[in-house]
PDB file of all heavy atoms in Angstrom:
ATOM      1  N   ALA A   1     -11.953   9.765   7.544  1.00  0.00           N
ATOM      2  CA  ALA A   1     -10.593   9.334   7.207  1.00  0.00           C
ATOM      3  C   ALA A   1     -10.382   7.858   7.553  1.00  0.00           C
ATOM      4  O   ALA A   1      -9.838   7.092   6.740  1.00  0.00           O
ATOM      5  CB  ALA A   1      -9.565  10.211   7.922  1.00  0.00           C
ATOM      6  N   LEU A   2     -10.796   7.458   8.746  1.00  0.00           N
ATOM      7  CA  LEU A   2     -10.633   6.059   9.145  1.00  0.00           C
ATOM      8  C   LEU A   2     -11.426   5.121   8.239  1.00  0.00           C
ATOM      9  O   LEU A   2     -10.905   4.102   7.786  1.00  0.00           O
ATOM     10  CB  LEU A   2     -11.070   5.868  10.597  1.00  0.00           C
ATOM     11  CG  LEU A   2     -10.129   6.430  11.644  1.00  0.00           C
ATOM     12  CD1 LEU A   2     -10.785   6.408  13.024  1.00  0.00           C
ATOM     13  CD2 LEU A   2      -8.817   5.671  11.667  1.00  0.00           C
ATOM     14  N   ASN A   3     -12.677   5.462   7.981  1.00  0.00           N
ATOM     15  CA  ASN A   3     -13.490   4.609   7.109  1.00  0.00           C
ATOM     16  C   ASN A   3     -12.915   4.523   5.703  1.00  0.00           C
ATOM     17  O   ASN A   3     -12.920   3.457   5.082  1.00  0.00           O
ATOM     18  CB  ASN A   3     -14.937   5.111   7.068  1.00  0.00           C
ATOM     19  CG  ASN A   3     -15.669   4.862   8.363  1.00  0.00           C
ATOM     20  OD1 ASN A   3     -15.308   3.982   9.130  1.00  0.00           O
ATOM     21  ND2 ASN A   3     -16.699   5.645   8.618  1.00  0.00           N
ATOM     22  N   THR A   4     -12.397   5.633   5.192  1.00  0.00           N
ATOM     23  CA  THR A   4     -11.785   5.636   3.864  1.00  0.00           C
ATOM     24  C   THR A   4     -10.565   4.727   3.837  1.00  0.00           C
ATOM     25  O   THR A   4     -10.412   3.893   2.936  1.00  0.00           O
ATOM     26  CB  THR A   4     -11.384   7.065   3.458  1.00  0.00           C
ATOM     27  OG1 THR A   4     -12.550   7.890   3.440  1.00  0.00           O
ATOM     28  CG2 THR A   4     -10.716   7.091   2.089  1.00  0.00           C
ATOM     29  N   CYS A   5      -9.692   4.867   4.829  1.00  0.00           N
ATOM     30  CA  CYS A   5      -8.465   4.066   4.864  1.00  0.00           C
ATOM     31  C   CYS A   5      -8.766   2.585   5.049  1.00  0.00           C
ATOM     32  O   CYS A   5      -8.147   1.730   4.405  1.00  0.00           O
ATOM     33  CB  CYS A   5      -7.542   4.564   5.972  1.00  0.00           C
ATOM     34  SG  CYS A   5      -6.841   6.192   5.628  1.00  0.00           S
ATOM     35  N   ILE A   6      -9.735   2.276   5.905  1.00  0.00           N
ATOM     36  CA  ILE A   6     -10.103   0.873   6.123  1.00  0.00           C
ATOM     37  C   ILE A   6     -10.688   0.278   4.849  1.00  0.00           C
ATOM     38  O   ILE A   6     -10.348  -0.838   4.451  1.00  0.00           O
ATOM     39  CB  ILE A   6     -11.080   0.748   7.313  1.00  0.00           C
ATOM     40  CG1 ILE A   6     -10.332   1.033   8.619  1.00  0.00           C
ATOM     41  CG2 ILE A   6     -11.725  -0.634   7.356  1.00  0.00           C
ATOM     42  CD1 ILE A   6     -11.231   1.201   9.835  1.00  0.00           C
ATOM     43  N   SER A   7     -11.539   1.028   4.162  1.00  0.00           N
ATOM     44  CA  SER A   7     -12.128   0.547   2.902  1.00  0.00           C
ATOM     45  C   SER A   7     -11.065   0.319   1.839  1.00  0.00           C
ATOM     46  O   SER A   7     -11.084  -0.689   1.130  1.00  0.00           O
ATOM     47  CB  SER A   7     -13.158   1.545   2.379  1.00  0.00           C
ATOM     48  OG  SER A   7     -14.256   1.624   3.236  1.00  0.00           O
ATOM     49  N   CYS A   8     -10.140   1.262   1.734  1.00  0.00           N
ATOM     50  CA  CYS A   8      -9.062   1.115   0.742  1.00  0.00           C
ATOM     51  C   CYS A   8      -8.184  -0.083   1.057  1.00  0.00           C
ATOM     52  O   CYS A   8      -7.734  -0.790   0.154  1.00  0.00           O
ATOM     53  CB  CYS A   8      -8.228   2.390   0.668  1.00  0.00           C
ATOM     54  SG  CYS A   8      -9.093   3.763  -0.133  1.00  0.00           S
ATOM     55  N   GLU A   9      -7.938  -0.326   2.344  1.00  0.00           N
ATOM     56  CA  GLU A   9      -7.119  -1.478   2.723  1.00  0.00           C
ATOM     57  C   GLU A   9      -7.824  -2.787   2.369  1.00  0.00           C
ATOM     58  O   GLU A   9      -7.193  -3.724   1.894  1.00  0.00           O
ATOM     59  CB  GLU A   9      -6.809  -1.436   4.227  1.00  0.00           C
ATOM     60  CG  GLU A   9      -5.867  -2.547   4.609  1.00  0.00           C
ATOM     61  CD  GLU A   9      -5.217  -2.305   5.945  1.00  0.00           C
ATOM     62  OE1 GLU A   9      -4.401  -1.381   6.041  1.00  0.00           O
ATOM     63  OE2 GLU A   9      -5.525  -3.054   6.874  1.00  0.00           O
ATOM     64  N   ARG A  10      -9.130  -2.835   2.568  1.00  0.00           N
ATOM     65  CA  ARG A  10      -9.884  -4.040   2.202  1.00  0.00           C
ATOM     66  C   ARG A  10      -9.818  -4.282   0.701  1.00  0.00           C
ATOM     67  O   ARG A  10      -9.650  -5.419   0.255  1.00  0.00           O
ATOM     68  CB  ARG A  10     -11.330  -3.906   2.654  1.00  0.00           C
ATOM     69  CG  ARG A  10     -11.507  -4.067   4.130  1.00  0.00           C
ATOM     70  CD  ARG A  10     -12.966  -3.986   4.520  1.00  0.00           C
ATOM     71  NE  ARG A  10     -13.093  -4.058   5.961  1.00  0.00           N
ATOM     72  CZ  ARG A  10     -13.998  -3.400   6.657  1.00  0.00           C
ATOM     73  NH1 ARG A  10     -14.887  -2.644   6.035  1.00  0.00           N
ATOM     74  NH2 ARG A  10     -14.049  -3.501   7.961  1.00  0.00           N
ATOM     75  N   LYS A  11      -9.963  -3.209  -0.080  1.00  0.00           N
ATOM     76  CA  LYS A  11      -9.873  -3.340  -1.548  1.00  0.00           C
ATOM     77  C   LYS A  11      -8.491  -3.826  -1.951  1.00  0.00           C
ATOM     78  O   LYS A  11      -8.350  -4.659  -2.843  1.00  0.00           O
ATOM     79  CB  LYS A  11     -10.150  -1.998  -2.222  1.00  0.00           C
ATOM     80  CG  LYS A  11     -11.588  -1.579  -2.199  1.00  0.00           C
ATOM     81  CD  LYS A  11     -11.738  -0.215  -2.856  1.00  0.00           C
ATOM     82  CE  LYS A  11     -13.081   0.403  -2.561  1.00  0.00           C
ATOM     83  NZ  LYS A  11     -13.170   1.784  -3.052  1.00  0.00           N
ATOM     84  N   LYS A  12      -7.475  -3.289  -1.297  1.00  0.00           N
ATOM     85  CA  LYS A  12      -6.095  -3.646  -1.618  1.00  0.00           C
ATOM     86  C   LYS A  12      -5.850  -5.134  -1.351  1.00  0.00           C
ATOM     87  O   LYS A  12      -5.165  -5.796  -2.118  1.00  0.00           O
ATOM     88  CB  LYS A  12      -5.151  -2.781  -0.780  1.00  0.00           C
ATOM     89  CG  LYS A  12      -3.700  -2.870  -1.166  1.00  0.00           C
ATOM     90  CD  LYS A  12      -2.857  -1.804  -0.504  1.00  0.00           C
ATOM     91  CE  LYS A  12      -2.898  -1.870   0.993  1.00  0.00           C
ATOM     92  NZ  LYS A  12      -1.962  -0.986   1.665  1.00  0.00           N
ATOM     93  N   LYS A  13      -6.436  -5.653  -0.279  1.00  0.00           N
ATOM     94  CA  LYS A  13      -6.252  -7.065   0.041  1.00  0.00           C
ATOM     95  C   LYS A  13      -6.941  -7.968  -0.972  1.00  0.00           C
ATOM     96  O   LYS A  13      -6.490  -9.066  -1.240  1.00  0.00           O
ATOM     97  CB  LYS A  13      -6.765  -7.365   1.448  1.00  0.00           C
ATOM     98  CG  LYS A  13      -5.838  -6.865   2.525  1.00  0.00           C
ATOM     99  CD  LYS A  13      -6.318  -7.236   3.896  1.00  0.00           C
ATOM    100  CE  LYS A  13      -5.340  -6.719   4.930  1.00  0.00           C
ATOM    101  NZ  LYS A  13      -5.773  -7.013   6.292  1.00  0.00           N
ATOM    102  N   ARG A  14      -8.049  -7.489  -1.542  1.00  0.00           N
ATOM    103  CA  ARG A  14      -8.769  -8.275  -2.545  1.00  0.00           C
ATOM    104  C   ARG A  14      -8.053  -8.261  -3.891  1.00  0.00           C
ATOM    105  O   ARG A  14      -8.236  -9.145  -4.698  1.00  0.00           O
ATOM    106  CB  ARG A  14     -10.191  -7.741  -2.725  1.00  0.00           C
ATOM    107  CG  ARG A  14     -11.127  -8.258  -1.662  1.00  0.00           C
ATOM    108  CD  ARG A  14     -12.552  -7.858  -1.964  1.00  0.00           C
ATOM    109  NE  ARG A  14     -12.934  -6.865  -0.972  1.00  0.00           N
ATOM    110  CZ  ARG A  14     -13.514  -5.698  -1.220  1.00  0.00           C
ATOM    111  NH1 ARG A  14     -13.812  -5.354  -2.442  1.00  0.00           N
ATOM    112  NH2 ARG A  14     -13.796  -4.873  -0.262  1.00  0.00           N
ATOM    113  N   GLN A  15      -7.278  -7.219  -4.152  1.00  0.00           N
ATOM    114  CA  GLN A  15      -6.587  -7.077  -5.419  1.00  0.00           C
ATOM    115  C   GLN A  15      -5.081  -6.992  -5.180  1.00  0.00           C
ATOM    116  O   GLN A  15      -4.509  -5.909  -5.163  1.00  0.00           O
ATOM    117  CB  GLN A  15      -7.052  -5.818  -6.148  1.00  0.00           C
ATOM    118  CG  GLN A  15      -8.524  -5.811  -6.454  1.00  0.00           C
ATOM    119  CD  GLN A  15      -8.976  -4.468  -6.990  1.00  0.00           C
ATOM    120  OE1 GLN A  15      -8.268  -3.486  -6.937  1.00  0.00           O
ATOM    121  NE2 GLN A  15     -10.185  -4.427  -7.514  1.00  0.00           N
ATOM    122  N   PRO A  16      -4.440  -8.136  -4.959  1.00  0.00           N
ATOM    123  CA  PRO A  16      -2.999  -8.097  -4.692  1.00  0.00           C
ATOM    124  C   PRO A  16      -2.227  -7.540  -5.886  1.00  0.00           C
ATOM    125  O   PRO A  16      -2.573  -7.777  -7.041  1.00  0.00           O
ATOM    126  CB  PRO A  16      -2.643  -9.559  -4.427  1.00  0.00           C
ATOM    127  CG  PRO A  16      -3.749 -10.356  -5.003  1.00  0.00           C
ATOM    128  CD  PRO A  16      -4.960  -9.476  -5.031  1.00  0.00           C
ATOM    129  N   SER A  17      -1.203  -6.789  -5.588  1.00  0.00           N
ATOM    130  CA  SER A  17      -0.377  -6.217  -6.647  1.00  0.00           C
ATOM    131  C   SER A  17       1.086  -6.301  -6.244  1.00  0.00           C
ATOM    132  O   SER A  17       1.418  -6.471  -5.085  1.00  0.00           O
ATOM    133  CB  SER A  17      -0.755  -4.750  -6.900  1.00  0.00           C
ATOM    134  OG  SER A  17      -0.518  -3.999  -5.738  1.00  0.00           O
ATOM    135  N   THR A  18       1.932  -6.176  -7.221  1.00  0.00           N
ATOM    136  CA  THR A  18       3.360  -6.192  -6.980  1.00  0.00           C
ATOM    137  C   THR A  18       3.879  -4.773  -7.062  1.00  0.00           C
ATOM    138  O   THR A  18       3.702  -4.091  -8.074  1.00  0.00           O
ATOM    139  CB  THR A  18       4.076  -7.061  -8.036  1.00  0.00           C
ATOM    140  OG1 THR A  18       3.483  -8.351  -8.021  1.00  0.00           O
ATOM    141  CG2 THR A  18       5.541  -7.161  -7.736  1.00  0.00           C
ATOM    142  N   ALA A  19       4.492  -4.334  -5.979  1.00  0.00           N
ATOM    143  CA  ALA A  19       5.021  -2.968  -5.940  1.00  0.00           C
ATOM    144  C   ALA A  19       6.432  -2.948  -6.522  1.00  0.00           C
ATOM    145  O   ALA A  19       7.240  -3.846  -6.271  1.00  0.00           O
ATOM    146  CB  ALA A  19       5.054  -2.454  -4.521  1.00  0.00           C
ATOM    147  N   LEU A  20       6.703  -1.962  -7.315  1.00  0.00           N
ATOM    148  CA  LEU A  20       8.042  -1.777  -7.851  1.00  0.00           C
ATOM    149  C   LEU A  20       8.729  -0.720  -7.008  1.00  0.00           C
ATOM    150  O   LEU A  20       8.223   0.383  -6.843  1.00  0.00           O
ATOM    151  CB  LEU A  20       7.965  -1.303  -9.306  1.00  0.00           C
ATOM    152  CG  LEU A  20       7.251  -2.231 -10.270  1.00  0.00           C
ATOM    153  CD1 LEU A  20       7.160  -1.575 -11.644  1.00  0.00           C
ATOM    154  CD2 LEU A  20       8.002  -3.547 -10.367  1.00  0.00           C
ATOM    155  N   SER A  21       9.868  -1.081  -6.443  1.00  0.00           N
ATOM    156  CA  SER A  21      10.568  -0.107  -5.604  1.00  0.00           C
ATOM    157  C   SER A  21      12.056  -0.407  -5.591  1.00  0.00           C
ATOM    158  O   SER A  21      12.498  -1.503  -5.904  1.00  0.00           O
ATOM    159  CB  SER A  21      10.024  -0.129  -4.180  1.00  0.00           C
ATOM    160  OG  SER A  21      10.327  -1.372  -3.576  1.00  0.00           O
ATOM    161  N   ILE A  22      12.787   0.585  -5.175  1.00  0.00           N
ATOM    162  CA  ILE A  22      14.223   0.434  -4.978  1.00  0.00           C
ATOM    163  C   ILE A  22      14.414  -0.093  -3.567  1.00  0.00           C
ATOM    164  O   ILE A  22      13.744   0.343  -2.631  1.00  0.00           O
ATOM    165  CB  ILE A  22      14.924   1.795  -5.166  1.00  0.00           C
ATOM    166  CG1 ILE A  22      14.674   2.312  -6.575  1.00  0.00           C
ATOM    167  CG2 ILE A  22      16.400   1.683  -4.854  1.00  0.00           C
ATOM    168  CD1 ILE A  22      15.213   3.704  -6.817  1.00  0.00           C
ATOM    169  N   ASP A  23      15.321  -1.022  -3.374  1.00  0.00           N
ATOM    170  CA  ASP A  23      15.488  -1.663  -2.077  1.00  0.00           C
ATOM    171  C   ASP A  23      16.171  -0.796  -1.029  1.00  0.00           C
ATOM    172  O   ASP A  23      16.204  -1.156   0.134  1.00  0.00           O
ATOM    173  CB  ASP A  23      16.279  -2.970  -2.230  1.00  0.00           C
ATOM    174  CG  ASP A  23      15.470  -4.024  -2.968  1.00  0.00           C
ATOM    175  OD1 ASP A  23      14.238  -3.914  -2.976  1.00  0.00           O
ATOM    176  OD2 ASP A  23      16.091  -4.936  -3.527  1.00  0.00           O
ATOM    177  N   ILE A  24      16.726   0.313  -1.416  1.00  0.00           N
ATOM    178  CA  ILE A  24      17.444   1.139  -0.465  1.00  0.00           C
ATOM    179  C   ILE A  24      16.952   2.579  -0.558  1.00  0.00           C
ATOM    180  O   ILE A  24      16.663   3.077  -1.637  1.00  0.00           O
ATOM    181  CB  ILE A  24      18.976   1.072  -0.708  1.00  0.00           C
ATOM    182  CG1 ILE A  24      19.724   1.782   0.397  1.00  0.00           C
ATOM    183  CG2 ILE A  24      19.347   1.625  -2.053  1.00  0.00           C
ATOM    184  CD1 ILE A  24      21.211   1.464   0.412  1.00  0.00           C
ATOM    185  N   ASN A  25      16.832   3.195   0.593  1.00  0.00           N
ATOM    186  CA  ASN A  25      16.451   4.596   0.658  1.00  0.00           C
ATOM    187  C   ASN A  25      17.655   5.379   1.170  1.00  0.00           C
ATOM    188  O   ASN A  25      18.014   5.289   2.339  1.00  0.00           O
ATOM    189  CB  ASN A  25      15.248   4.772   1.592  1.00  0.00           C
ATOM    190  CG  ASN A  25      14.769   6.204   1.642  1.00  0.00           C
ATOM    191  OD1 ASN A  25      15.420   7.112   1.119  1.00  0.00           O
ATOM    192  ND2 ASN A  25      13.646   6.412   2.287  1.00  0.00           N
ATOM    193  N   LEU A  26      18.269   6.126   0.299  1.00  0.00           N
ATOM    194  CA  LEU A  26      19.474   6.860   0.662  1.00  0.00           C
ATOM    195  C   LEU A  26      19.205   7.985   1.651  1.00  0.00           C
ATOM    196  O   LEU A  26      20.120   8.472   2.305  1.00  0.00           O
ATOM    197  CB  LEU A  26      20.142   7.429  -0.597  1.00  0.00           C
ATOM    198  CG  LEU A  26      20.562   6.392  -1.628  1.00  0.00           C
ATOM    199  CD1 LEU A  26      21.089   7.081  -2.881  1.00  0.00           C
ATOM    200  CD2 LEU A  26      21.613   5.464  -1.050  1.00  0.00           C
ATOM    201  N   PHE A  27      17.959   8.392   1.771  1.00  0.00           N
ATOM    202  CA  PHE A  27      17.615   9.497   2.660  1.00  0.00           C
ATOM    203  C   PHE A  27      17.095   9.024   4.014  1.00  0.00           C
ATOM    204  O   PHE A  27      16.726   9.826   4.844  1.00  0.00           O
ATOM    205  CB  PHE A  27      16.556  10.389   1.996  1.00  0.00           C
ATOM    206  CG  PHE A  27      17.029  10.948   0.691  1.00  0.00           C
ATOM    207  CD1 PHE A  27      16.576  10.408  -0.505  1.00  0.00           C
ATOM    208  CD2 PHE A  27      17.944  11.979   0.647  1.00  0.00           C
ATOM    209  CE1 PHE A  27      17.018  10.904  -1.712  1.00  0.00           C
ATOM    210  CE2 PHE A  27      18.388  12.479  -0.553  1.00  0.00           C
ATOM    211  CZ  PHE A  27      17.930  11.944  -1.738  1.00  0.00           C
ATOM    212  N   GLU A  28      17.072   7.726   4.227  1.00  0.00           N
ATOM    213  CA  GLU A  28      16.529   7.178   5.465  1.00  0.00           C
ATOM    214  C   GLU A  28      17.434   7.495   6.645  1.00  0.00           C
ATOM    215  O   GLU A  28      18.640   7.323   6.596  1.00  0.00           O
ATOM    216  CB  GLU A  28      16.385   5.663   5.312  1.00  0.00           C
ATOM    217  CG  GLU A  28      15.547   5.038   6.374  1.00  0.00           C
ATOM    218  CD  GLU A  28      15.255   3.591   6.050  1.00  0.00           C
ATOM    219  OE1 GLU A  28      14.526   3.330   5.085  1.00  0.00           O
ATOM    220  OE2 GLU A  28      15.784   2.732   6.779  1.00  0.00           O
TER     221      GLU A  28
END
């Protein structure tokens, strides 16, 4: 699990993306 998450995080840093989200969470 740790190796998978660390690998995915490294890939994510190499491929920046823009997340689409709503700025407010009504259930928070």
